[in-house]
Amino acid sequence: MKYEVKNYVDDIGKNVIELKPFEDGEESKFMGKVLIQTPMGNMPIDIEFPEGYTLDKCFDEYDDFAKKRIEELKQEHEDQNRIIKPGDMKSPSNTIPFKQ
């Protein structure tokens, strides 16, 4: 499916992108873009808004979706960098437990 892409920015810098299908009867999809500052520089974050959202609703709930997405990314990062110790792992019931 082909889309017309429209970019909207409000007066405080919230950025919402509308993907408007060329086909009649199809609803637009909306995405947001956030730049967060990290010690290694700016990192772009994509926000996906649920189907059925309007442009106004995306701007109204932008902050909530941005915070939620940033928290998800923080959790993913923490999960990837977690150190697993032998006692943290549960052995499947069909194997012999590891003796420490």
PDB file of N, CA and C in Angstrom:
ATOM      1  N   MET A   1       0.839  -1.170   0.000  1.00  0.00           N
ATOM      2  CA  MET A   1       0.000   0.000   0.000  1.00  0.00           C
ATOM      3  C   MET A   1       0.888   1.238   0.000  1.00  0.00           C
ATOM      4  N   LYS A   2       0.512   2.237  -0.743  1.00  0.00           N
ATOM      5  CA  LYS A   2       1.272   3.474  -0.819  1.00  0.00           C
ATOM      6  C   LYS A   2       0.610   4.528   0.060  1.00  0.00           C
ATOM      7  N   TYR A   3       1.463   5.358   0.674  1.00  0.00           N
ATOM      8  CA  TYR A   3       0.991   6.370   1.604  1.00  0.00           C
ATOM      9  C   TYR A   3       1.504   7.748   1.214  1.00  0.00           C
ATOM     10  N   GLU A   4       0.708   8.745   1.514  1.00  0.00           N
ATOM     11  CA  GLU A   4       1.159  10.129   1.485  1.00  0.00           C
ATOM     12  C   GLU A   4       1.649  10.427   2.897  1.00  0.00           C
ATOM     13  N   VAL A   5       2.833  10.986   3.036  1.00  0.00           N
ATOM     14  CA  VAL A   5       3.413  11.248   4.353  1.00  0.00           C
ATOM     15  C   VAL A   5       3.326  12.745   4.635  1.00  0.00           C
ATOM     16  N   LYS A   6       2.700  13.063   5.781  1.00  0.00           N
ATOM     17  CA  LYS A   6       2.602  14.460   6.217  1.00  0.00           C
ATOM     18  C   LYS A   6       3.230  14.569   7.594  1.00  0.00           C
ATOM     19  N   ASN A   7       4.025  15.596   7.789  1.00  0.00           N
ATOM     20  CA  ASN A   7       4.720  15.811   9.047  1.00  0.00           C
ATOM     21  C   ASN A   7       4.136  17.043   9.738  1.00  0.00           C
ATOM     22  N   TYR A   8       3.742  16.884  11.016  1.00  0.00           N
ATOM     23  CA  TYR A   8       3.172  17.984  11.790  1.00  0.00           C
ATOM     24  C   TYR A   8       4.024  18.207  13.031  1.00  0.00           C
ATOM     25  N   VAL A   9       4.324  19.465  13.318  1.00  0.00           N
ATOM     26  CA  VAL A   9       5.083  19.825  14.509  1.00  0.00           C
ATOM     27  C   VAL A   9       4.335  20.953  15.204  1.00  0.00           C
ATOM     28  N   ASP A  10       4.083  20.777  16.521  1.00  0.00           N
ATOM     29  CA  ASP A  10       3.391  21.851  17.231  1.00  0.00           C
ATOM     30  C   ASP A  10       4.398  22.893  17.716  1.00  0.00           C
ATOM     31  N   ASP A  11       3.905  23.901  18.423  1.00  0.00           N
ATOM     32  CA  ASP A  11       4.758  25.021  18.813  1.00  0.00           C
ATOM     33  C   ASP A  11       5.794  24.673  19.889  1.00  0.00           C
ATOM     34  N   ILE A  12       5.678  23.500  20.534  1.00  0.00           N
ATOM     35  CA  ILE A  12       6.707  23.113  21.514  1.00  0.00           C
ATOM     36  C   ILE A  12       7.571  21.958  21.026  1.00  0.00           C
ATOM     37  N   GLY A  13       7.416  21.574  19.763  1.00  0.00           N
ATOM     38  CA  GLY A  13       8.316  20.593  19.166  1.00  0.00           C
ATOM     39  C   GLY A  13       7.831  19.160  19.100  1.00  0.00           C
ATOM     40  N   LYS A  14       6.570  18.903  19.483  1.00  0.00           N
ATOM     41  CA  LYS A  14       6.040  17.541  19.335  1.00  0.00           C
ATOM     42  C   LYS A  14       5.879  17.261  17.850  1.00  0.00           C
ATOM     43  N   ASN A  15       6.375  16.099  17.420  1.00  0.00           N
ATOM     44  CA  ASN A  15       6.406  15.752  16.005  1.00  0.00           C
ATOM     45  C   ASN A  15       5.527  14.533  15.747  1.00  0.00           C
ATOM     46  N   VAL A  16       4.461  14.709  14.948  1.00  0.00           N
ATOM     47  CA  VAL A  16       3.577  13.605  14.589  1.00  0.00           C
ATOM     48  C   VAL A  16       3.584  13.464  13.077  1.00  0.00           C
ATOM     49  N   ILE A  17       3.746  12.225  12.631  1.00  0.00           N
ATOM     50  CA  ILE A  17       3.776  11.925  11.201  1.00  0.00           C
ATOM     51  C   ILE A  17       2.506  11.170  10.837  1.00  0.00           C
ATOM     52  N   GLU A  18       1.819  11.647   9.812  1.00  0.00           N
ATOM     53  CA  GLU A  18       0.609  10.980   9.331  1.00  0.00           C
ATOM     54  C   GLU A  18       0.944  10.189   8.073  1.00  0.00           C
ATOM     55  N   LEU A  19       0.586   8.920   8.075  1.00  0.00           N
ATOM     56  CA  LEU A  19       0.711   8.077   6.887  1.00  0.00           C
ATOM     57  C   LEU A  19      -0.702   7.912   6.335  1.00  0.00           C
ATOM     58  N   LYS A  20      -0.995   8.658   5.297  1.00  0.00           N
ATOM     59  CA  LYS A  20      -2.345   8.680   4.744  1.00  0.00           C
ATOM     60  C   LYS A  20      -2.372   7.829   3.476  1.00  0.00           C
ATOM     61  N   PRO A  21      -3.172   6.739   3.483  1.00  0.00           N
ATOM     62  CA  PRO A  21      -3.219   5.857   2.314  1.00  0.00           C
ATOM     63  C   PRO A  21      -3.823   6.565   1.101  1.00  0.00           C
ATOM     64  N   PHE A  22      -3.303   6.219  -0.066  1.00  0.00           N
ATOM     65  CA  PHE A  22      -3.866   6.762  -1.295  1.00  0.00           C
ATOM     66  C   PHE A  22      -5.207   6.113  -1.626  1.00  0.00           C
ATOM     67  N   GLU A  23      -5.437   4.903  -1.087  1.00  0.00           N
ATOM     68  CA  GLU A  23      -6.685   4.197  -1.366  1.00  0.00           C
ATOM     69  C   GLU A  23      -7.819   4.746  -0.512  1.00  0.00           C
ATOM     70  N   ASP A  24      -8.996   4.913  -1.126  1.00  0.00           N
ATOM     71  CA  ASP A  24     -10.170   5.403  -0.406  1.00  0.00           C
ATOM     72  C   ASP A  24     -10.626   4.379   0.631  1.00  0.00           C
ATOM     73  N   GLY A  25     -11.168   4.873   1.727  1.00  0.00           N
ATOM     74  CA  GLY A  25     -11.716   3.997   2.749  1.00  0.00           C
ATOM     75  C   GLY A  25     -10.711   3.527   3.786  1.00  0.00           C
ATOM     76  N   GLU A  26      -9.454   3.755   3.570  1.00  0.00           N
ATOM     77  CA  GLU A  26      -8.426   3.353   4.530  1.00  0.00           C
ATOM     78  C   GLU A  26      -8.132   4.510   5.482  1.00  0.00           C
ATOM     79  N   GLU A  27      -7.930   4.190   6.771  1.00  0.00           N
ATOM     80  CA  GLU A  27      -7.642   5.218   7.767  1.00  0.00           C
ATOM     81  C   GLU A  27      -6.155   5.560   7.791  1.00  0.00           C
ATOM     82  N   SER A  28      -5.884   6.787   8.172  1.00  0.00           N
ATOM     83  CA  SER A  28      -4.496   7.213   8.357  1.00  0.00           C
ATOM     84  C   SER A  28      -3.896   6.532   9.565  1.00  0.00           C
ATOM     85  N   LYS A  29      -2.592   6.340   9.526  1.00  0.00           N
ATOM     86  CA  LYS A  29      -1.828   5.843  10.667  1.00  0.00           C
ATOM     87  C   LYS A  29      -0.944   6.981  11.138  1.00  0.00           C
ATOM     88  N   PHE A  30      -0.696   7.013  12.448  1.00  0.00           N
ATOM     89  CA  PHE A  30       0.114   8.091  13.001  1.00  0.00           C
ATOM     90  C   PHE A  30       1.289   7.538  13.788  1.00  0.00           C
ATOM     91  N   MET A  31       2.409   8.241  13.674  1.00  0.00           N
ATOM     92  CA  MET A  31       3.628   7.917  14.415  1.00  0.00           C
ATOM     93  C   MET A  31       4.165   9.208  15.009  1.00  0.00           C
ATOM     94  N   GLY A  32       4.928   9.074  16.073  1.00  0.00           N
ATOM     95  CA  GLY A  32       5.591  10.231  16.651  1.00  0.00           C
ATOM     96  C   GLY A  32       7.094  10.026  16.623  1.00  0.00           C
ATOM     97  N   LYS A  33       7.814  11.107  16.717  1.00  0.00           N
ATOM     98  CA  LYS A  33       9.278  11.068  16.783  1.00  0.00           C
ATOM     99  C   LYS A  33       9.728  11.893  17.981  1.00  0.00           C
ATOM    100  N   VAL A  34      10.607  11.305  18.785  1.00  0.00           N
ATOM    101  CA  VAL A  34      11.167  11.979  19.959  1.00  0.00           C
ATOM    102  C   VAL A  34      12.680  11.857  19.876  1.00  0.00           C
ATOM    103  N   LEU A  35      13.380  12.912  20.212  1.00  0.00           N
ATOM    104  CA  LEU A  35      14.838  12.862  20.336  1.00  0.00           C
ATOM    105  C   LEU A  35      15.169  12.966  21.817  1.00  0.00           C
ATOM    106  N   ILE A  36      15.871  11.969  22.343  1.00  0.00           N
ATOM    107  CA  ILE A  36      16.312  12.067  23.730  1.00  0.00           C
ATOM    108  C   ILE A  36      17.827  12.184  23.749  1.00  0.00           C
ATOM    109  N   GLN A  37      18.320  12.907  24.738  1.00  0.00           N
ATOM    110  CA  GLN A  37      19.757  13.097  24.855  1.00  0.00           C
ATOM    111  C   GLN A  37      20.339  12.001  25.737  1.00  0.00           C
ATOM    112  N   THR A  38      21.386  11.372  25.239  1.00  0.00           N
ATOM    113  CA  THR A  38      22.103  10.350  25.984  1.00  0.00           C
ATOM    114  C   THR A  38      23.561  10.789  26.084  1.00  0.00           C
ATOM    115  N   PRO A  39      24.342  10.140  26.923  1.00  0.00           N
ATOM    116  CA  PRO A  39      25.766  10.493  27.000  1.00  0.00           C
ATOM    117  C   PRO A  39      26.492  10.329  25.655  1.00  0.00           C
ATOM    118  N   MET A  40      25.949   9.482  24.775  1.00  0.00           N
ATOM    119  CA  MET A  40      26.601   9.256  23.476  1.00  0.00           C
ATOM    120  C   MET A  40      25.974  10.099  22.371  1.00  0.00           C
ATOM    121  N   GLY A  41      25.075  11.014  22.712  1.00  0.00           N
ATOM    122  CA  GLY A  41      24.456  11.884  21.712  1.00  0.00           C
ATOM    123  C   GLY A  41      22.953  11.678  21.652  1.00  0.00           C
ATOM    124  N   ASN A  42      22.313  12.361  20.710  1.00  0.00           N
ATOM    125  CA  ASN A  42      20.864  12.259  20.559  1.00  0.00           C
ATOM    126  C   ASN A  42      20.466  10.901  20.019  1.00  0.00           C
ATOM    127  N   MET A  43      19.347  10.376  20.545  1.00  0.00           N
ATOM    128  CA  MET A  43      18.831   9.087  20.090  1.00  0.00           C
ATOM    129  C   MET A  43      17.374   9.274  19.674  1.00  0.00           C
ATOM    130  N   PRO A  44      17.053   8.980  18.398  1.00  0.00           N
ATOM    131  CA  PRO A  44      15.660   9.110  17.961  1.00  0.00           C
ATOM    132  C   PRO A  44      14.825   7.925  18.458  1.00  0.00           C
ATOM    133  N   ILE A  45      13.618   8.213  18.907  1.00  0.00           N
ATOM    134  CA  ILE A  45      12.689   7.203  19.393  1.00  0.00           C
ATOM    135  C   ILE A  45      11.401   7.315  18.582  1.00  0.00           C
ATOM    136  N   ASP A  46      10.906   6.186  18.094  1.00  0.00           N
ATOM    137  CA  ASP A  46       9.635   6.160  17.370  1.00  0.00           C
ATOM    138  C   ASP A  46       8.503   5.838  18.328  1.00  0.00           C
ATOM    139  N   ILE A  47       7.378   6.517  18.144  1.00  0.00           N
ATOM    140  CA  ILE A  47       6.172   6.261  18.919  1.00  0.00           C
ATOM    141  C   ILE A  47       5.107   5.799  17.940  1.00  0.00           C
ATOM    142  N   GLU A  48       4.413   4.716  18.272  1.00  0.00           N
ATOM    143  CA  GLU A  48       3.304   4.253  17.443  1.00  0.00           C
ATOM    144  C   GLU A  48       2.003   4.531  18.174  1.00  0.00           C
ATOM    145  N   PHE A  49       1.086   5.201  17.503  1.00  0.00           N
ATOM    146  CA  PHE A  49      -0.227   5.468  18.079  1.00  0.00           C
ATOM    147  C   PHE A  49      -1.200   4.393  17.612  1.00  0.00           C
ATOM    148  N   PRO A  50      -2.174   4.041  18.460  1.00  0.00           N
ATOM    149  CA  PRO A  50      -3.137   2.990  18.100  1.00  0.00           C
ATOM    150  C   PRO A  50      -3.984   3.373  16.881  1.00  0.00           C
ATOM    151  N   GLU A  51      -4.511   2.342  16.220  1.00  0.00           N
ATOM    152  CA  GLU A  51      -5.413   2.581  15.090  1.00  0.00           C
ATOM    153  C   GLU A  51      -6.623   3.363  15.573  1.00  0.00           C
ATOM    154  N   GLY A  52      -7.149   4.211  14.716  1.00  0.00           N
ATOM    155  CA  GLY A  52      -8.337   4.979  15.048  1.00  0.00           C
ATOM    156  C   GLY A  52      -8.039   6.322  15.695  1.00  0.00           C
ATOM    157  N   TYR A  53      -6.775   6.587  16.030  1.00  0.00           N
ATOM    158  CA  TYR A  53      -6.431   7.872  16.618  1.00  0.00           C
ATOM    159  C   TYR A  53      -6.509   8.966  15.564  1.00  0.00           C
ATOM    160  N   THR A  54      -6.895  10.155  16.001  1.00  0.00           N
ATOM    161  CA  THR A  54      -6.894  11.327  15.129  1.00  0.00           C
ATOM    162  C   THR A  54      -5.617  12.119  15.394  1.00  0.00           C
ATOM    163  N   LEU A  55      -5.340  13.060  14.550  1.00  0.00           N
ATOM    164  CA  LEU A  55      -4.159  13.904  14.729  1.00  0.00           C
ATOM    165  C   LEU A  55      -4.226  14.642  16.071  1.00  0.00           C
ATOM    166  N   ASP A  56      -5.390  15.196  16.394  1.00  0.00           N
ATOM    167  CA  ASP A  56      -5.541  15.916  17.663  1.00  0.00           C
ATOM    168  C   ASP A  56      -5.311  15.001  18.862  1.00  0.00           C
ATOM    169  N   LYS A  57      -5.846  13.782  18.806  1.00  0.00           N
ATOM    170  CA  LYS A  57      -5.676  12.849  19.918  1.00  0.00           C
ATOM    171  C   LYS A  57      -4.209  12.452  20.065  1.00  0.00           C
ATOM    172  N   CYS A  58      -3.501  12.311  18.946  1.00  0.00           N
ATOM    173  CA  CYS A  58      -2.065  11.994  19.007  1.00  0.00           C
ATOM    174  C   CYS A  58      -1.302  13.085  19.735  1.00  0.00           C
ATOM    175  N   PHE A  59      -1.598  14.342  19.410  1.00  0.00           N
ATOM    176  CA  PHE A  59      -0.919  15.439  20.096  1.00  0.00           C
ATOM    177  C   PHE A  59      -1.318  15.500  21.568  1.00  0.00           C
ATOM    178  N   ASP A  60      -2.600  15.253  21.872  1.00  0.00           N
ATOM    179  CA  ASP A  60      -3.066  15.291  23.262  1.00  0.00           C
ATOM    180  C   ASP A  60      -2.380  14.235  24.121  1.00  0.00           C
ATOM    181  N   GLU A  61      -2.146  13.037  23.580  1.00  0.00           N
ATOM    182  CA  GLU A  61      -1.593  11.924  24.358  1.00  0.00           C
ATOM    183  C   GLU A  61      -0.124  11.644  24.046  1.00  0.00           C
ATOM    184  N   TYR A  62       0.504  12.547  23.317  1.00  0.00           N
ATOM    185  CA  TYR A  62       1.892  12.408  22.879  1.00  0.00           C
ATOM    186  C   TYR A  62       2.838  12.148  24.048  1.00  0.00           C
ATOM    187  N   ASP A  63       2.739  12.974  25.097  1.00  0.00           N
ATOM    188  CA  ASP A  63       3.665  12.845  26.232  1.00  0.00           C
ATOM    189  C   ASP A  63       3.553  11.484  26.902  1.00  0.00           C
ATOM    190  N   ASP A  64       2.325  11.006  27.090  1.00  0.00           N
ATOM    191  CA  ASP A  64       2.126   9.697  27.729  1.00  0.00           C
ATOM    192  C   ASP A  64       2.741   8.578  26.902  1.00  0.00           C
ATOM    193  N   PHE A  65       2.531   8.607  25.584  1.00  0.00           N
ATOM    194  CA  PHE A  65       3.091   7.568  24.718  1.00  0.00           C
ATOM    195  C   PHE A  65       4.615   7.654  24.664  1.00  0.00           C
ATOM    196  N   ALA A  66       5.156   8.881  24.660  1.00  0.00           N
ATOM    197  CA  ALA A  66       6.615   9.053  24.633  1.00  0.00           C
ATOM    198  C   ALA A  66       7.236   8.497  25.912  1.00  0.00           C
ATOM    199  N   LYS A  67       6.650   8.824  27.068  1.00  0.00           N
ATOM    200  CA  LYS A  67       7.181   8.321  28.341  1.00  0.00           C
ATOM    201  C   LYS A  67       7.109   6.800  28.395  1.00  0.00           C
ATOM    202  N   LYS A  68       5.996   6.245  27.950  1.00  0.00           N
ATOM    203  CA  LYS A  68       5.835   4.787  27.967  1.00  0.00           C
ATOM    204  C   LYS A  68       6.884   4.114  27.092  1.00  0.00           C
ATOM    205  N   ARG A  69       7.122   4.656  25.893  1.00  0.00           N
ATOM    206  CA  ARG A  69       8.097   4.063  24.974  1.00  0.00           C
ATOM    207  C   ARG A  69       9.512   4.158  25.526  1.00  0.00           C
ATOM    208  N   ILE A  70       9.839   5.283  26.146  1.00  0.00           N
ATOM    209  CA  ILE A  70      11.169   5.449  26.729  1.00  0.00           C
ATOM    210  C   ILE A  70      11.377   4.459  27.875  1.00  0.00           C
ATOM    211  N   GLU A  71      10.359   4.265  28.708  1.00  0.00           N
ATOM    212  CA  GLU A  71      10.453   3.289  29.797  1.00  0.00           C
ATOM    213  C   GLU A  71      10.621   1.871  29.248  1.00  0.00           C
ATOM    214  N   GLU A  72       9.910   1.546  28.161  1.00  0.00           N
ATOM    215  CA  GLU A  72      10.067   0.224  27.540  1.00  0.00           C
ATOM    216  C   GLU A  72      11.500   0.018  27.064  1.00  0.00           C
ATOM    217  N   LEU A  73      12.073   1.040  26.445  1.00  0.00           N
ATOM    218  CA  LEU A  73      13.448   0.932  25.953  1.00  0.00           C
ATOM    219  C   LEU A  73      14.450   0.809  27.101  1.00  0.00           C
ATOM    220  N   LYS A  74      14.222   1.540  28.199  1.00  0.00           N
ATOM    221  CA  LYS A  74      15.092   1.419  29.369  1.00  0.00           C
ATOM    222  C   LYS A  74      15.049  -0.001  29.915  1.00  0.00           C
ATOM    223  N   GLN A  75      13.852  -0.577  30.014  1.00  0.00           N
ATOM    224  CA  GLN A  75      13.703  -1.933  30.536  1.00  0.00           C
ATOM    225  C   GLN A  75      14.385  -2.944  29.620  1.00  0.00           C
ATOM    226  N   GLU A  76      14.220  -2.784  28.303  1.00  0.00           N
ATOM    227  CA  GLU A  76      14.883  -3.681  27.354  1.00  0.00           C
ATOM    228  C   GLU A  76      16.401  -3.607  27.527  1.00  0.00           C
ATOM    229  N   HIS A  77      16.918  -2.395  27.706  1.00  0.00           N
ATOM    230  CA  HIS A  77      18.360  -2.202  27.883  1.00  0.00           C
ATOM    231  C   HIS A  77      18.836  -2.875  29.169  1.00  0.00           C
ATOM    232  N   GLU A  78      18.078  -2.688  30.263  1.00  0.00           N
ATOM    233  CA  GLU A  78      18.449  -3.311  31.532  1.00  0.00           C
ATOM    234  C   GLU A  78      18.414  -4.837  31.427  1.00  0.00           C
ATOM    235  N   ASP A  79      17.397  -5.367  30.751  1.00  0.00           N
ATOM    236  CA  ASP A  79      17.288  -6.819  30.588  1.00  0.00           C
ATOM    237  C   ASP A  79      18.469  -7.376  29.787  1.00  0.00           C
ATOM    238  N   GLN A  80      18.907  -6.645  28.775  1.00  0.00           N
ATOM    239  CA  GLN A  80      20.018  -7.111  27.942  1.00  0.00           C
ATOM    240  C   GLN A  80      21.343  -7.046  28.688  1.00  0.00           C
ATOM    241  N   ASN A  81      21.466  -6.161  29.653  1.00  0.00           N
ATOM    242  CA  ASN A  81      22.736  -5.973  30.354  1.00  0.00           C
ATOM    243  C   ASN A  81      22.764  -6.616  31.729  1.00  0.00           C
ATOM    244  N   ARG A  82      21.744  -7.373  32.061  1.00  0.00           N
ATOM    245  CA  ARG A  82      21.679  -8.025  33.366  1.00  0.00           C
ATOM    246  C   ARG A  82      22.649  -9.197  33.408  1.00  0.00           C
ATOM    247  N   ILE A  83      23.350  -9.327  34.514  1.00  0.00           N
ATOM    248  CA  ILE A  83      24.274 -10.443  34.712  1.00  0.00           C
ATOM    249  C   ILE A  83      23.482 -11.597  35.322  1.00  0.00           C
ATOM    250  N   ILE A  84      23.566 -12.759  34.709  1.00  0.00           N
ATOM    251  CA  ILE A  84      22.853 -13.932  35.203  1.00  0.00           C
ATOM    252  C   ILE A  84      23.836 -14.809  35.964  1.00  0.00           C
ATOM    253  N   LYS A  85      23.471 -15.103  37.208  1.00  0.00           N
ATOM    254  CA  LYS A  85      24.288 -15.974  38.056  1.00  0.00           C
ATOM    255  C   LYS A  85      23.668 -17.367  38.050  1.00  0.00           C
ATOM    256  N   PRO A  86      24.453 -18.405  38.338  1.00  0.00           N
ATOM    257  CA  PRO A  86      23.908 -19.761  38.308  1.00  0.00           C
ATOM    258  C   PRO A  86      22.648 -19.938  39.148  1.00  0.00           C
ATOM    259  N   GLY A  87      22.551 -19.320  40.298  1.00  0.00           N
ATOM    260  CA  GLY A  87      21.381 -19.442  41.156  1.00  0.00           C
ATOM    261  C   GLY A  87      20.138 -18.756  40.596  1.00  0.00           C
ATOM    262  N   ASP A  88      20.315 -17.836  39.621  1.00  0.00           N
ATOM    263  CA  ASP A  88      19.185 -17.119  39.033  1.00  0.00           C
ATOM    264  C   ASP A  88      18.409 -17.977  38.043  1.00  0.00           C
ATOM    265  N   MET A  89      19.050 -18.993  37.509  1.00  0.00           N
ATOM    266  CA  MET A  89      18.422 -19.809  36.463  1.00  0.00           C
ATOM    267  C   MET A  89      17.691 -20.977  37.101  1.00  0.00           C
ATOM    268  N   LYS A  90      16.527 -21.251  36.621  1.00  0.00           N
ATOM    269  CA  LYS A  90      15.755 -22.408  37.073  1.00  0.00           C
ATOM    270  C   LYS A  90      15.987 -23.521  36.059  1.00  0.00           C
ATOM    271  N   SER A  91      16.310 -24.707  36.554  1.00  0.00           N
ATOM    272  CA  SER A  91      16.536 -25.805  35.625  1.00  0.00           C
ATOM    273  C   SER A  91      15.207 -26.455  35.276  1.00  0.00           C
ATOM    274  N   PRO A  92      15.050 -26.881  34.015  1.00  0.00           N
ATOM    275  CA  PRO A  92      13.824 -27.574  33.622  1.00  0.00           C
ATOM    276  C   PRO A  92      13.634 -28.841  34.445  1.00  0.00           C
ATOM    277  N   SER A  93      12.413 -29.272  34.628  1.00  0.00           N
ATOM    278  CA  SER A  93      12.117 -30.419  35.492  1.00  0.00           C
ATOM    279  C   SER A  93      12.654 -31.733  34.933  1.00  0.00           C
ATOM    280  N   ASN A  94      12.978 -31.788  33.645  1.00  0.00           N
ATOM    281  CA  ASN A  94      13.453 -33.047  33.062  1.00  0.00           C
ATOM    282  C   ASN A  94      14.980 -33.135  33.020  1.00  0.00           C
ATOM    283  N   THR A  95      15.690 -32.261  33.753  1.00  0.00           N
ATOM    284  CA  THR A  95      17.148 -32.327  33.767  1.00  0.00           C
ATOM    285  C   THR A  95      17.631 -32.464  35.199  1.00  0.00           C
ATOM    286  N   ILE A  96      18.871 -32.862  35.334  1.00  0.00           N
ATOM    287  CA  ILE A  96      19.491 -32.976  36.644  1.00  0.00           C
ATOM    288  C   ILE A  96      19.968 -31.599  37.066  1.00  0.00           C
ATOM    289  N   PRO A  97      19.616 -31.147  38.282  1.00  0.00           N
ATOM    290  CA  PRO A  97      20.023 -29.808  38.714  1.00  0.00           C
ATOM    291  C   PRO A  97      21.524 -29.687  38.792  1.00  0.00           C
ATOM    292  N   PHE A  98      22.019 -28.505  38.503  1.00  0.00           N
ATOM    293  CA  PHE A  98      23.439 -28.173  38.580  1.00  0.00           C
ATOM    294  C   PHE A  98      23.827 -28.081  40.055  1.00  0.00           C
ATOM    295  N   LYS A  99      24.885 -28.791  40.451  1.00  0.00           N
ATOM    296  CA  LYS A  99      25.351 -28.737  41.836  1.00  0.00           C
ATOM    297  C   LYS A  99      26.396 -27.640  41.957  1.00  0.00           C
ATOM    298  N   GLN A 100      26.237 -26.822  42.992  1.00  0.00           N
ATOM    299  CA  GLN A 100      27.181 -25.729  43.219  1.00  0.00           C
ATOM    300  C   GLN A 100      28.204 -26.095  44.262  1.00  0.00           C
TER     301      GLN A 100
END
